[in-house]
Amino acid sequence: MIDKNGEITHRQRFGQFFTPDKLVKKCASLVKNKGRLLEPSCGAGAFKELKNSESVFIEKDETVVNDDDVLIMDFFDYDRGEKFD
């Protein structure tokens, strides 16, 4: 999106899309595995209800994170040797 001054918005710069609550609830209801979860672009934490002690939540844009357990980094820099369920 470009704002009224012709500038690229913050959300466009990061390619951000924030999942609507209705879709989050539907996705969460479909999860059967309670194992280790990787959320590579957690944003403001819409899927945090699925988080457990072994989960890894990552977000590149520190301005949207409100959880101290979220790793602020580029997902592509995360250790590819890690295993998730």
PDB file of N, CA and C in Angstrom:
ATOM      1  N   MET A   1       0.830  -1.175   0.000  1.00  0.00           N
ATOM      2  CA  MET A   1       0.000   0.000   0.000  1.00  0.00           C
ATOM      3  C   MET A   1       0.873   1.236   0.000  1.00  0.00           C
ATOM      4  N   ILE A   2       0.440   2.216  -0.701  1.00  0.00           N
ATOM      5  CA  ILE A   2       1.158   3.488  -0.733  1.00  0.00           C
ATOM      6  C   ILE A   2       0.283   4.522  -0.048  1.00  0.00           C
ATOM      7  N   ASP A   3       0.865   5.277   0.882  1.00  0.00           N
ATOM      8  CA  ASP A   3       0.070   6.257   1.621  1.00  0.00           C
ATOM      9  C   ASP A   3      -0.210   7.479   0.756  1.00  0.00           C
ATOM     10  N   LYS A   4      -0.928   8.446   1.321  1.00  0.00           N
ATOM     11  CA  LYS A   4      -1.355   9.628   0.559  1.00  0.00           C
ATOM     12  C   LYS A   4      -0.190  10.487   0.073  1.00  0.00           C
ATOM     13  N   ASN A   5       1.002  10.306   0.657  1.00  0.00           N
ATOM     14  CA  ASN A   5       2.183  11.055   0.232  1.00  0.00           C
ATOM     15  C   ASN A   5       3.026  10.279  -0.776  1.00  0.00           C
ATOM     16  N   GLY A   6       2.521   9.135  -1.222  1.00  0.00           N
ATOM     17  CA  GLY A   6       3.249   8.328  -2.183  1.00  0.00           C
ATOM     18  C   GLY A   6       4.328   7.459  -1.568  1.00  0.00           C
ATOM     19  N   GLU A   7       4.340   7.340  -0.244  1.00  0.00           N
ATOM     20  CA  GLU A   7       5.341   6.545   0.457  1.00  0.00           C
ATOM     21  C   GLU A   7       4.853   5.104   0.624  1.00  0.00           C
ATOM     22  N   ILE A   8       5.778   4.183   0.571  1.00  0.00           N
ATOM     23  CA  ILE A   8       5.453   2.784   0.839  1.00  0.00           C
ATOM     24  C   ILE A   8       5.193   2.649   2.331  1.00  0.00           C
ATOM     25  N   THR A   9       4.096   2.001   2.671  1.00  0.00           N
ATOM     26  CA  THR A   9       3.747   1.855   4.076  1.00  0.00           C
ATOM     27  C   THR A   9       4.648   0.832   4.764  1.00  0.00           C
ATOM     28  N   HIS A  10       4.683   0.925   6.070  1.00  0.00           N
ATOM     29  CA  HIS A  10       5.469  -0.003   6.890  1.00  0.00           C
ATOM     30  C   HIS A  10       5.036  -1.439   6.612  1.00  0.00           C
ATOM     31  N   ARG A  11       3.735  -1.697   6.578  1.00  0.00           N
ATOM     32  CA  ARG A  11       3.224  -3.052   6.342  1.00  0.00           C
ATOM     33  C   ARG A  11       3.639  -3.567   4.971  1.00  0.00           C
ATOM     34  N   GLN A  12       3.660  -2.709   3.961  1.00  0.00           N
ATOM     35  CA  GLN A  12       4.061  -3.159   2.627  1.00  0.00           C
ATOM     36  C   GLN A  12       5.559  -3.452   2.590  1.00  0.00           C
ATOM     37  N   ARG A  13       6.345  -2.643   3.257  1.00  0.00           N
ATOM     38  CA  ARG A  13       7.789  -2.844   3.273  1.00  0.00           C
ATOM     39  C   ARG A  13       8.134  -4.226   3.821  1.00  0.00           C
ATOM     40  N   PHE A  14       7.398  -4.665   4.837  1.00  0.00           N
ATOM     41  CA  PHE A  14       7.637  -5.966   5.436  1.00  0.00           C
ATOM     42  C   PHE A  14       6.762  -7.062   4.826  1.00  0.00           C
ATOM     43  N   GLY A  15       5.878  -6.717   3.881  1.00  0.00           N
ATOM     44  CA  GLY A  15       4.993  -7.709   3.283  1.00  0.00           C
ATOM     45  C   GLY A  15       4.034  -8.294   4.302  1.00  0.00           C
ATOM     46  N   GLN A  16       3.565  -7.456   5.206  1.00  0.00           N
ATOM     47  CA  GLN A  16       2.768  -7.943   6.325  1.00  0.00           C
ATOM     48  C   GLN A  16       1.293  -8.133   5.979  1.00  0.00           C
ATOM     49  N   PHE A  17       0.770  -9.220   6.514  1.00  0.00           N
ATOM     50  CA  PHE A  17      -0.659  -9.516   6.475  1.00  0.00           C
ATOM     51  C   PHE A  17      -1.012 -10.048   7.849  1.00  0.00           C
ATOM     52  N   PHE A  18      -1.959  -9.436   8.511  1.00  0.00           N
ATOM     53  CA  PHE A  18      -2.352  -9.876   9.837  1.00  0.00           C
ATOM     54  C   PHE A  18      -3.609 -10.725   9.711  1.00  0.00           C
ATOM     55  N   THR A  19      -3.500 -11.985  10.123  1.00  0.00           N
ATOM     56  CA  THR A  19      -4.572 -12.958   9.969  1.00  0.00           C
ATOM     57  C   THR A  19      -5.808 -12.523  10.753  1.00  0.00           C
ATOM     58  N   PRO A  20      -6.968 -12.477  10.092  1.00  0.00           N
ATOM     59  CA  PRO A  20      -8.211 -12.100  10.785  1.00  0.00           C
ATOM     60  C   PRO A  20      -8.561 -13.107  11.889  1.00  0.00           C
ATOM     61  N   ASP A  21      -9.136 -12.615  12.985  1.00  0.00           N
ATOM     62  CA  ASP A  21      -9.477 -13.463  14.138  1.00  0.00           C
ATOM     63  C   ASP A  21     -10.324 -14.670  13.749  1.00  0.00           C
ATOM     64  N   LYS A  22     -11.271 -14.482  12.852  1.00  0.00           N
ATOM     65  CA  LYS A  22     -12.156 -15.589  12.440  1.00  0.00           C
ATOM     66  C   LYS A  22     -11.337 -16.727  11.813  1.00  0.00           C
ATOM     67  N   LEU A  23     -10.355 -16.371  11.002  1.00  0.00           N
ATOM     68  CA  LEU A  23      -9.503 -17.381  10.367  1.00  0.00           C
ATOM     69  C   LEU A  23      -8.570 -18.040  11.389  1.00  0.00           C
ATOM     70  N   VAL A  24      -8.063 -17.266  12.335  1.00  0.00           N
ATOM     71  CA  VAL A  24      -7.204 -17.817  13.393  1.00  0.00           C
ATOM     72  C   VAL A  24      -7.973 -18.876  14.173  1.00  0.00           C
ATOM     73  N   LYS A  25      -9.195 -18.554  14.564  1.00  0.00           N
ATOM     74  CA  LYS A  25     -10.013 -19.500  15.333  1.00  0.00           C
ATOM     75  C   LYS A  25     -10.273 -20.777  14.538  1.00  0.00           C
ATOM     76  N   LYS A  26     -10.544 -20.650  13.244  1.00  0.00           N
ATOM     77  CA  LYS A  26     -10.789 -21.819  12.403  1.00  0.00           C
ATOM     78  C   LYS A  26      -9.522 -22.671  12.294  1.00  0.00           C
ATOM     79  N   CYS A  27      -8.390 -22.046  12.037  1.00  0.00           N
ATOM     80  CA  CYS A  27      -7.122 -22.787  11.933  1.00  0.00           C
ATOM     81  C   CYS A  27      -6.800 -23.493  13.245  1.00  0.00           C
ATOM     82  N   ALA A  28      -6.969 -22.791  14.359  1.00  0.00           N
ATOM     83  CA  ALA A  28      -6.668 -23.363  15.670  1.00  0.00           C
ATOM     84  C   ALA A  28      -7.560 -24.569  15.958  1.00  0.00           C
ATOM     85  N   SER A  29      -8.795 -24.517  15.501  1.00  0.00           N
ATOM     86  CA  SER A  29      -9.715 -25.635  15.746  1.00  0.00           C
ATOM     87  C   SER A  29      -9.334 -26.882  14.956  1.00  0.00           C
ATOM     88  N   LEU A  30      -8.550 -26.715  13.914  1.00  0.00           N
ATOM     89  CA  LEU A  30      -8.150 -27.842  13.068  1.00  0.00           C
ATOM     90  C   LEU A  30      -6.864 -28.528  13.536  1.00  0.00           C
ATOM     91  N   VAL A  31      -6.131 -27.883  14.428  1.00  0.00           N
ATOM     92  CA  VAL A  31      -4.856 -28.431  14.895  1.00  0.00           C
ATOM     93  C   VAL A  31      -5.102 -29.619  15.805  1.00  0.00           C
ATOM     94  N   LYS A  32      -4.503 -30.737  15.449  1.00  0.00           N
ATOM     95  CA  LYS A  32      -4.631 -31.951  16.251  1.00  0.00           C
ATOM     96  C   LYS A  32      -3.326 -32.270  16.991  1.00  0.00           C
ATOM     97  N   ASN A  33      -2.217 -31.923  16.384  1.00  0.00           N
ATOM     98  CA  ASN A  33      -0.904 -32.193  16.963  1.00  0.00           C
ATOM     99  C   ASN A  33      -0.585 -31.127  18.006  1.00  0.00           C
ATOM    100  N   LYS A  34      -0.244 -31.544  19.187  1.00  0.00           N
ATOM    101  CA  LYS A  34       0.119 -30.609  20.265  1.00  0.00           C
ATOM    102  C   LYS A  34       1.627 -30.564  20.470  1.00  0.00           C
ATOM    103  N   GLY A  35       2.392 -30.977  19.458  1.00  0.00           N
ATOM    104  CA  GLY A  35       3.840 -31.029  19.567  1.00  0.00           C
ATOM    105  C   GLY A  35       4.507 -29.686  19.368  1.00  0.00           C
ATOM    106  N   ARG A  36       5.749 -29.721  19.005  1.00  0.00           N
ATOM    107  CA  ARG A  36       6.579 -28.519  18.838  1.00  0.00           C
ATOM    108  C   ARG A  36       6.135 -27.755  17.592  1.00  0.00           C
ATOM    109  N   LEU A  37       5.913 -26.470  17.748  1.00  0.00           N
ATOM    110  CA  LEU A  37       5.369 -25.617  16.697  1.00  0.00           C
ATOM    111  C   LEU A  37       6.361 -24.531  16.316  1.00  0.00           C
ATOM    112  N   LEU A  38       6.474 -24.266  15.021  1.00  0.00           N
ATOM    113  CA  LEU A  38       7.264 -23.139  14.525  1.00  0.00           C
ATOM    114  C   LEU A  38       6.307 -22.154  13.869  1.00  0.00           C
ATOM    115  N   GLU A  39       6.300 -20.934  14.349  1.00  0.00           N
ATOM    116  CA  GLU A  39       5.516 -19.846  13.749  1.00  0.00           C
ATOM    117  C   GLU A  39       6.532 -18.856  13.201  1.00  0.00           C
ATOM    118  N   PRO A  40       6.803 -18.908  11.878  1.00  0.00           N
ATOM    119  CA  PRO A  40       7.907 -18.138  11.295  1.00  0.00           C
ATOM    120  C   PRO A  40       7.661 -16.642  11.122  1.00  0.00           C
ATOM    121  N   SER A  41       6.431 -16.217  11.252  1.00  0.00           N
ATOM    122  CA  SER A  41       6.134 -14.787  11.114  1.00  0.00           C
ATOM    123  C   SER A  41       4.948 -14.452  12.001  1.00  0.00           C
ATOM    124  N   CYS A  42       5.198 -14.438  13.290  1.00  0.00           N
ATOM    125  CA  CYS A  42       4.097 -14.383  14.258  1.00  0.00           C
ATOM    126  C   CYS A  42       3.416 -13.029  14.387  1.00  0.00           C
ATOM    127  N   GLY A  43       4.021 -11.980  13.865  1.00  0.00           N
ATOM    128  CA  GLY A  43       3.379 -10.670  13.950  1.00  0.00           C
ATOM    129  C   GLY A  43       3.036 -10.304  15.377  1.00  0.00           C
ATOM    130  N   ALA A  44       1.793  -9.903  15.590  1.00  0.00           N
ATOM    131  CA  ALA A  44       1.340  -9.502  16.924  1.00  0.00           C
ATOM    132  C   ALA A  44       0.908 -10.693  17.765  1.00  0.00           C
ATOM    133  N   GLY A  45       1.034 -11.906  17.230  1.00  0.00           N
ATOM    134  CA  GLY A  45       0.765 -13.104  18.024  1.00  0.00           C
ATOM    135  C   GLY A  45      -0.621 -13.687  17.902  1.00  0.00           C
ATOM    136  N   ALA A  46      -1.231 -13.596  16.739  1.00  0.00           N
ATOM    137  CA  ALA A  46      -2.584 -14.122  16.551  1.00  0.00           C
ATOM    138  C   ALA A  46      -2.690 -15.600  16.919  1.00  0.00           C
ATOM    139  N   PHE A  47      -1.643 -16.361  16.671  1.00  0.00           N
ATOM    140  CA  PHE A  47      -1.678 -17.802  16.933  1.00  0.00           C
ATOM    141  C   PHE A  47      -1.060 -18.194  18.269  1.00  0.00           C
ATOM    142  N   LYS A  48      -0.894 -17.227  19.171  1.00  0.00           N
ATOM    143  CA  LYS A  48      -0.221 -17.514  20.440  1.00  0.00           C
ATOM    144  C   LYS A  48      -0.972 -18.531  21.302  1.00  0.00           C
ATOM    145  N   GLU A  49      -2.263 -18.723  21.069  1.00  0.00           N
ATOM    146  CA  GLU A  49      -3.005 -19.731  21.847  1.00  0.00           C
ATOM    147  C   GLU A  49      -2.516 -21.146  21.548  1.00  0.00           C
ATOM    148  N   LEU A  50      -1.810 -21.326  20.437  1.00  0.00           N
ATOM    149  CA  LEU A  50      -1.268 -22.640  20.084  1.00  0.00           C
ATOM    150  C   LEU A  50       0.140 -22.853  20.648  1.00  0.00           C
ATOM    151  N   LYS A  51       0.698 -21.807  21.200  1.00  0.00           N
ATOM    152  CA  LYS A  51       2.078 -21.837  21.686  1.00  0.00           C
ATOM    153  C   LYS A  51       2.215 -22.706  22.936  1.00  0.00           C
ATOM    154  N   ASN A  52       3.280 -23.516  22.965  1.00  0.00           N
ATOM    155  CA  ASN A  52       3.605 -24.268  24.168  1.00  0.00           C
ATOM    156  C   ASN A  52       5.070 -23.989  24.508  1.00  0.00           C
ATOM    157  N   SER A  53       5.569 -24.620  25.542  1.00  0.00           N
ATOM    158  CA  SER A  53       6.925 -24.309  26.027  1.00  0.00           C
ATOM    159  C   SER A  53       8.018 -24.656  25.018  1.00  0.00           C
ATOM    160  N   GLU A  54       7.718 -25.511  24.057  1.00  0.00           N
ATOM    161  CA  GLU A  54       8.725 -25.901  23.064  1.00  0.00           C
ATOM    162  C   GLU A  54       8.559 -25.186  21.730  1.00  0.00           C
ATOM    163  N   SER A  55       7.539 -24.360  21.628  1.00  0.00           N
ATOM    164  CA  SER A  55       7.272 -23.643  20.387  1.00  0.00           C
ATOM    165  C   SER A  55       8.317 -22.558  20.145  1.00  0.00           C
ATOM    166  N   VAL A  56       8.498 -22.232  18.876  1.00  0.00           N
ATOM    167  CA  VAL A  56       9.383 -21.140  18.491  1.00  0.00           C
ATOM    168  C   VAL A  56       8.566 -20.170  17.646  1.00  0.00           C
ATOM    169  N   PHE A  57       8.450 -18.962  18.141  1.00  0.00           N
ATOM    170  CA  PHE A  57       7.754 -17.909  17.415  1.00  0.00           C
ATOM    171  C   PHE A  57       8.801 -16.885  16.984  1.00  0.00           C
ATOM    172  N   ILE A  58       8.766 -16.519  15.713  1.00  0.00           N
ATOM    173  CA  ILE A  58       9.756 -15.613  15.129  1.00  0.00           C
ATOM    174  C   ILE A  58       9.031 -14.449  14.454  1.00  0.00           C
ATOM    175  N   GLU A  59       9.604 -13.273  14.566  1.00  0.00           N
ATOM    176  CA  GLU A  59       9.078 -12.100  13.864  1.00  0.00           C
ATOM    177  C   GLU A  59      10.232 -11.183  13.522  1.00  0.00           C
ATOM    178  N   LYS A  60      10.243 -10.701  12.299  1.00  0.00           N
ATOM    179  CA  LYS A  60      11.306  -9.808  11.836  1.00  0.00           C
ATOM    180  C   LYS A  60      11.055  -8.353  12.257  1.00  0.00           C
ATOM    181  N   ASP A  61       9.800  -7.969  12.319  1.00  0.00           N
ATOM    182  CA  ASP A  61       9.440  -6.579  12.632  1.00  0.00           C
ATOM    183  C   ASP A  61       9.191  -6.416  14.132  1.00  0.00           C
ATOM    184  N   GLU A  62      10.160  -5.895  14.833  1.00  0.00           N
ATOM    185  CA  GLU A  62      10.054  -5.758  16.289  1.00  0.00           C
ATOM    186  C   GLU A  62       8.960  -4.790  16.720  1.00  0.00           C
ATOM    187  N   THR A  63       8.470  -3.952  15.823  1.00  0.00           N
ATOM    188  CA  THR A  63       7.456  -2.961  16.206  1.00  0.00           C
ATOM    189  C   THR A  63       6.081  -3.579  16.444  1.00  0.00           C
ATOM    190  N   VAL A  64       5.844  -4.820  15.997  1.00  0.00           N
ATOM    191  CA  VAL A  64       4.534  -5.451  16.187  1.00  0.00           C
ATOM    192  C   VAL A  64       4.535  -6.503  17.287  1.00  0.00           C
ATOM    193  N   VAL A  65       5.698  -6.818  17.841  1.00  0.00           N
ATOM    194  CA  VAL A  65       5.822  -7.888  18.839  1.00  0.00           C
ATOM    195  C   VAL A  65       5.498  -7.365  20.233  1.00  0.00           C
ATOM    196  N   ASN A  66       4.684  -8.139  20.957  1.00  0.00           N
ATOM    197  CA  ASN A  66       4.354  -7.780  22.343  1.00  0.00           C
ATOM    198  C   ASN A  66       4.540  -8.978  23.271  1.00  0.00           C
ATOM    199  N   ASP A  67       5.535  -9.802  22.970  1.00  0.00           N
ATOM    200  CA  ASP A  67       5.796 -11.020  23.740  1.00  0.00           C
ATOM    201  C   ASP A  67       7.310 -11.197  23.838  1.00  0.00           C
ATOM    202  N   ASP A  68       7.821 -11.288  25.072  1.00  0.00           N
ATOM    203  CA  ASP A  68       9.266 -11.419  25.281  1.00  0.00           C
ATOM    204  C   ASP A  68       9.836 -12.737  24.779  1.00  0.00           C
ATOM    205  N   ASP A  69       8.982 -13.732  24.548  1.00  0.00           N
ATOM    206  CA  ASP A  69       9.447 -15.036  24.089  1.00  0.00           C
ATOM    207  C   ASP A  69       9.624 -15.121  22.572  1.00  0.00           C
ATOM    208  N   VAL A  70       9.233 -14.077  21.857  1.00  0.00           N
ATOM    209  CA  VAL A  70       9.349 -14.067  20.394  1.00  0.00           C
ATOM    210  C   VAL A  70      10.780 -13.714  20.000  1.00  0.00           C
ATOM    211  N   LEU A  71      11.342 -14.490  19.086  1.00  0.00           N
ATOM    212  CA  LEU A  71      12.674 -14.194  18.554  1.00  0.00           C
ATOM    213  C   LEU A  71      12.548 -13.112  17.491  1.00  0.00           C
ATOM    214  N   ILE A  72      13.276 -12.027  17.655  1.00  0.00           N
ATOM    215  CA  ILE A  72      13.285 -10.949  16.669  1.00  0.00           C
ATOM    216  C   ILE A  72      14.424 -11.233  15.713  1.00  0.00           C
ATOM    217  N   MET A  73      14.059 -11.753  14.552  1.00  0.00           N
ATOM    218  CA  MET A  73      15.069 -12.128  13.566  1.00  0.00           C
ATOM    219  C   MET A  73      14.395 -12.472  12.245  1.00  0.00           C
ATOM    220  N   ASP A  74      15.187 -12.652  11.221  1.00  0.00           N
ATOM    221  CA  ASP A  74      14.694 -13.126   9.938  1.00  0.00           C
ATOM    222  C   ASP A  74      14.536 -14.644  10.021  1.00  0.00           C
ATOM    223  N   PHE A  75      13.371 -15.135   9.714  1.00  0.00           N
ATOM    224  CA  PHE A  75      13.094 -16.572   9.756  1.00  0.00           C
ATOM    225  C   PHE A  75      14.132 -17.372   8.969  1.00  0.00           C
ATOM    226  N   PHE A  76      14.601 -16.847   7.859  1.00  0.00           N
ATOM    227  CA  PHE A  76      15.548 -17.576   7.018  1.00  0.00           C
ATOM    228  C   PHE A  76      16.927 -17.716   7.662  1.00  0.00           C
ATOM    229  N   ASP A  77      17.160 -16.984   8.744  1.00  0.00           N
ATOM    230  CA  ASP A  77      18.413 -17.113   9.483  1.00  0.00           C
ATOM    231  C   ASP A  77      18.308 -18.120  10.634  1.00  0.00           C
ATOM    232  N   TYR A  78      17.115 -18.655  10.851  1.00  0.00           N
ATOM    233  CA  TYR A  78      16.915 -19.616  11.944  1.00  0.00           C
ATOM    234  C   TYR A  78      17.569 -20.954  11.596  1.00  0.00           C
ATOM    235  N   ASP A  79      18.047 -21.660  12.597  1.00  0.00           N
ATOM    236  CA  ASP A  79      18.730 -22.947  12.424  1.00  0.00           C
ATOM    237  C   ASP A  79      17.837 -23.967  11.695  1.00  0.00           C
ATOM    238  N   ARG A  80      18.209 -24.316  10.499  1.00  0.00           N
ATOM    239  CA  ARG A  80      17.407 -25.249   9.691  1.00  0.00           C
ATOM    240  C   ARG A  80      17.493 -26.672  10.188  1.00  0.00           C
ATOM    241  N   GLY A  81      18.401 -26.941  11.120  1.00  0.00           N
ATOM    242  CA  GLY A  81      18.535 -28.276  11.676  1.00  0.00           C
ATOM    243  C   GLY A  81      17.504 -28.586  12.751  1.00  0.00           C
ATOM    244  N   GLU A  82      16.789 -27.551  13.221  1.00  0.00           N
ATOM    245  CA  GLU A  82      15.748 -27.744  14.251  1.00  0.00           C
ATOM    246  C   GLU A  82      14.611 -28.573  13.686  1.00  0.00           C
ATOM    247  N   LYS A  83      14.013 -29.377  14.532  1.00  0.00           N
ATOM    248  CA  LYS A  83      12.896 -30.228  14.118  1.00  0.00           C
ATOM    249  C   LYS A  83      11.612 -29.808  14.809  1.00  0.00           C
ATOM    250  N   PHE A  84      10.526 -29.835  14.066  1.00  0.00           N
ATOM    251  CA  PHE A  84       9.203 -29.457  14.574  1.00  0.00           C
ATOM    252  C   PHE A  84       8.196 -30.519  14.182  1.00  0.00           C
ATOM    253  N   ASP A  85       7.112 -30.608  14.945  1.00  0.00           N
ATOM    254  CA  ASP A  85       6.114 -31.653  14.714  1.00  0.00           C
ATOM    255  C   ASP A  85       5.151 -31.325  13.610  1.00  0.00           C
TER     256      ASP A  85
END
